[in-house]
């Protein structure tokens, strides 16, 4: 009997994404609505691509906190 190794999730739920970013779900929805963080809709569910979340973090590193 062969067992397959565990794989990293490709998509995170909103709760998992908010927790990974250390933000509240309302902030996550605001980022999604503004288009700053893309989401994947599967049926009625919304998921976030792990690669998109990482890209968002990298792009946020280039922004100054004081930018308006």
N, C-alpha and C. Protein backbone atom coordinates (compact mmCIF):
# COMPACT_ATOMS: atom_id res chain seq x y z
N UNK A 1 0.84 -1.18 0.00
CA UNK A 1 0.00 0.00 0.00
C UNK A 1 0.89 1.25 0.00
N UNK A 2 0.70 2.13 -0.98
CA UNK A 2 1.52 3.33 -1.02
C UNK A 2 0.73 4.51 -0.49
N UNK A 3 1.41 5.32 0.29
CA UNK A 3 0.75 6.52 0.80
C UNK A 3 1.36 7.73 0.11
N UNK A 4 0.52 8.69 -0.17
CA UNK A 4 1.02 9.90 -0.83
C UNK A 4 1.45 10.90 0.24
N UNK A 5 2.50 11.62 -0.03
CA UNK A 5 2.95 12.61 0.96
C UNK A 5 1.96 13.76 1.05
N UNK A 6 1.86 14.40 2.21
CA UNK A 6 0.94 15.53 2.34
C UNK A 6 1.40 16.67 1.43
N UNK A 7 0.44 17.35 0.88
CA UNK A 7 0.77 18.47 -0.01
C UNK A 7 0.34 19.77 0.64
N UNK A 8 1.00 20.83 0.26
CA UNK A 8 0.64 22.16 0.76
C UNK A 8 -0.65 22.59 0.08
N UNK A 9 -1.52 23.22 0.83
CA UNK A 9 -2.79 23.69 0.29
C UNK A 9 -2.52 24.76 -0.77
N UNK A 10 -3.26 24.69 -1.86
CA UNK A 10 -3.15 25.70 -2.91
C UNK A 10 -4.01 26.91 -2.60
N UNK A 11 -5.13 26.68 -1.91
CA UNK A 11 -6.07 27.75 -1.60
C UNK A 11 -6.36 27.75 -0.11
N UNK A 12 -6.51 28.95 0.44
CA UNK A 12 -6.88 29.12 1.85
C UNK A 12 -8.28 29.69 1.94
N UNK A 13 -8.97 29.36 3.01
CA UNK A 13 -10.26 29.98 3.30
C UNK A 13 -10.01 31.42 3.76
N UNK A 14 -11.08 32.19 3.85
CA UNK A 14 -10.94 33.57 4.34
C UNK A 14 -10.39 33.57 5.76
N UNK A 15 -10.87 32.66 6.58
CA UNK A 15 -10.39 32.59 7.97
C UNK A 15 -8.90 32.27 8.03
N UNK A 16 -8.47 31.30 7.22
CA UNK A 16 -7.05 30.93 7.19
C UNK A 16 -6.19 32.09 6.67
N UNK A 17 -6.70 32.78 5.66
CA UNK A 17 -5.95 33.91 5.08
C UNK A 17 -5.83 35.05 6.06
N UNK A 18 -6.93 35.40 6.72
CA UNK A 18 -6.89 36.48 7.71
C UNK A 18 -5.92 36.13 8.84
N UNK A 19 -5.96 34.88 9.27
CA UNK A 19 -5.07 34.45 10.35
C UNK A 19 -3.61 34.50 9.89
N UNK A 20 -3.34 34.06 8.66
CA UNK A 20 -1.97 34.07 8.14
C UNK A 20 -1.43 35.49 8.03
N UNK A 21 -2.31 36.45 7.71
CA UNK A 21 -1.90 37.84 7.57
C UNK A 21 -1.99 38.61 8.89
N UNK A 22 -2.51 37.97 9.93
CA UNK A 22 -2.70 38.62 11.23
C UNK A 22 -3.57 39.86 11.12
N UNK A 23 -4.66 39.73 10.37
CA UNK A 23 -5.63 40.81 10.21
C UNK A 23 -7.02 40.28 10.50
N UNK A 24 -7.96 41.17 10.73
CA UNK A 24 -9.33 40.72 10.98
C UNK A 24 -10.02 40.44 9.64
N UNK A 25 -11.04 39.60 9.65
CA UNK A 25 -11.75 39.28 8.40
C UNK A 25 -12.30 40.51 7.68
N UNK A 26 -12.74 41.53 8.42
CA UNK A 26 -13.26 42.74 7.77
C UNK A 26 -12.18 43.41 6.93
N UNK A 27 -10.97 43.44 7.43
CA UNK A 27 -9.86 44.02 6.68
C UNK A 27 -9.57 43.19 5.43
N UNK A 28 -9.64 41.88 5.57
CA UNK A 28 -9.44 40.99 4.43
C UNK A 28 -10.48 41.26 3.35
N UNK A 29 -11.74 41.40 3.75
CA UNK A 29 -12.81 41.66 2.76
C UNK A 29 -12.58 43.01 2.09
N UNK A 30 -12.12 43.99 2.84
CA UNK A 30 -11.84 45.31 2.25
C UNK A 30 -10.72 45.20 1.20
N UNK A 31 -9.68 44.44 1.52
CA UNK A 31 -8.59 44.24 0.56
C UNK A 31 -9.09 43.51 -0.68
N UNK A 32 -9.99 42.57 -0.49
CA UNK A 32 -10.54 41.80 -1.61
C UNK A 32 -11.42 42.70 -2.48
N UNK A 33 -12.32 43.45 -1.84
CA UNK A 33 -13.22 44.34 -2.59
C UNK A 33 -12.45 45.39 -3.38
N UNK A 34 -11.35 45.89 -2.80
CA UNK A 34 -10.57 46.93 -3.47
C UNK A 34 -9.72 46.36 -4.61
N UNK A 35 -9.60 45.05 -4.69
CA UNK A 35 -8.81 44.42 -5.74
C UNK A 35 -7.34 44.26 -5.39
N UNK A 36 -6.96 44.66 -4.18
CA UNK A 36 -5.55 44.54 -3.78
C UNK A 36 -5.15 43.09 -3.52
N UNK A 37 -6.12 42.25 -3.15
CA UNK A 37 -5.86 40.84 -2.89
C UNK A 37 -6.89 40.02 -3.64
N UNK A 38 -6.48 39.37 -4.73
CA UNK A 38 -7.43 38.60 -5.53
C UNK A 38 -7.99 37.40 -4.77
N UNK A 39 -9.22 37.05 -5.10
CA UNK A 39 -9.87 35.89 -4.50
C UNK A 39 -10.36 34.96 -5.60
N UNK A 40 -10.53 33.70 -5.25
CA UNK A 40 -11.05 32.69 -6.16
C UNK A 40 -12.41 32.27 -5.64
N UNK A 41 -13.42 32.39 -6.48
CA UNK A 41 -14.77 31.97 -6.07
C UNK A 41 -15.01 30.57 -6.61
N UNK A 42 -15.35 29.65 -5.72
CA UNK A 42 -15.70 28.29 -6.08
C UNK A 42 -17.10 28.05 -5.52
N UNK A 43 -18.07 28.02 -6.41
CA UNK A 43 -19.45 27.94 -5.95
C UNK A 43 -19.76 29.19 -5.14
N UNK A 44 -20.25 28.99 -3.94
CA UNK A 44 -20.54 30.13 -3.06
C UNK A 44 -19.37 30.49 -2.17
N UNK A 45 -18.33 29.67 -2.20
CA UNK A 45 -17.18 29.90 -1.33
C UNK A 45 -16.15 30.82 -1.95
N UNK A 46 -15.42 31.48 -1.11
CA UNK A 46 -14.31 32.35 -1.53
C UNK A 46 -13.03 31.78 -0.95
N UNK A 47 -12.04 31.64 -1.79
CA UNK A 47 -10.74 31.13 -1.37
C UNK A 47 -9.65 32.06 -1.87
N UNK A 48 -8.49 31.96 -1.24
CA UNK A 48 -7.36 32.81 -1.59
C UNK A 48 -6.18 31.93 -1.99
N UNK A 49 -5.59 32.24 -3.14
CA UNK A 49 -4.43 31.52 -3.63
C UNK A 49 -3.24 31.90 -2.75
N UNK A 50 -2.56 30.90 -2.24
CA UNK A 50 -1.42 31.12 -1.36
C UNK A 50 -0.36 31.98 -2.06
N UNK A 51 -0.15 31.76 -3.34
CA UNK A 51 0.83 32.55 -4.10
C UNK A 51 0.41 34.02 -4.15
N UNK A 52 -0.90 34.29 -4.31
CA UNK A 52 -1.39 35.67 -4.32
C UNK A 52 -1.19 36.34 -2.97
N UNK A 53 -1.40 35.58 -1.90
CA UNK A 53 -1.22 36.13 -0.56
C UNK A 53 0.25 36.49 -0.35
N UNK A 54 1.13 35.60 -0.76
CA UNK A 54 2.57 35.89 -0.63
C UNK A 54 2.97 37.10 -1.47
N UNK A 55 2.43 37.20 -2.70
CA UNK A 55 2.73 38.34 -3.56
C UNK A 55 2.22 39.64 -2.93
N UNK A 56 1.05 39.58 -2.30
CA UNK A 56 0.50 40.76 -1.62
C UNK A 56 1.44 41.22 -0.51
N UNK A 57 1.94 40.27 0.27
CA UNK A 57 2.86 40.61 1.37
C UNK A 57 4.13 41.23 0.80
N UNK A 58 4.67 40.66 -0.27
CA UNK A 58 5.89 41.20 -0.87
C UNK A 58 5.65 42.61 -1.38
N UNK A 59 4.49 42.87 -2.01
CA UNK A 59 4.23 44.21 -2.52
C UNK A 59 4.00 45.19 -1.38
N UNK A 60 3.44 44.71 -0.27
CA UNK A 60 3.21 45.59 0.88
C UNK A 60 4.53 45.99 1.52
N UNK A 61 5.55 45.16 1.40
CA UNK A 61 6.86 45.48 1.96
C UNK A 61 7.44 46.72 1.29
N UNK A 62 7.10 46.94 0.02
CA UNK A 62 7.63 48.09 -0.69
C UNK A 62 6.91 49.37 -0.38
N UNK A 63 5.74 49.28 0.24
CA UNK A 63 4.94 50.47 0.56
C UNK A 63 5.33 50.99 1.93
N UNK A 64 5.37 52.28 2.05
CA UNK A 64 5.64 52.90 3.35
C UNK A 64 4.33 52.96 4.13
N UNK A 65 4.39 52.78 5.42
CA UNK A 65 3.22 52.86 6.28
C UNK A 65 2.63 54.26 6.23
N UNK A 66 3.46 55.26 6.00
CA UNK A 66 3.01 56.65 6.01
C UNK A 66 2.48 57.12 4.66
N UNK A 67 2.54 56.26 3.62
CA UNK A 67 2.01 56.66 2.31
C UNK A 67 0.52 56.88 2.38
N UNK A 68 0.02 57.92 1.72
CA UNK A 68 -1.41 58.19 1.70
C UNK A 68 -1.94 58.14 0.30
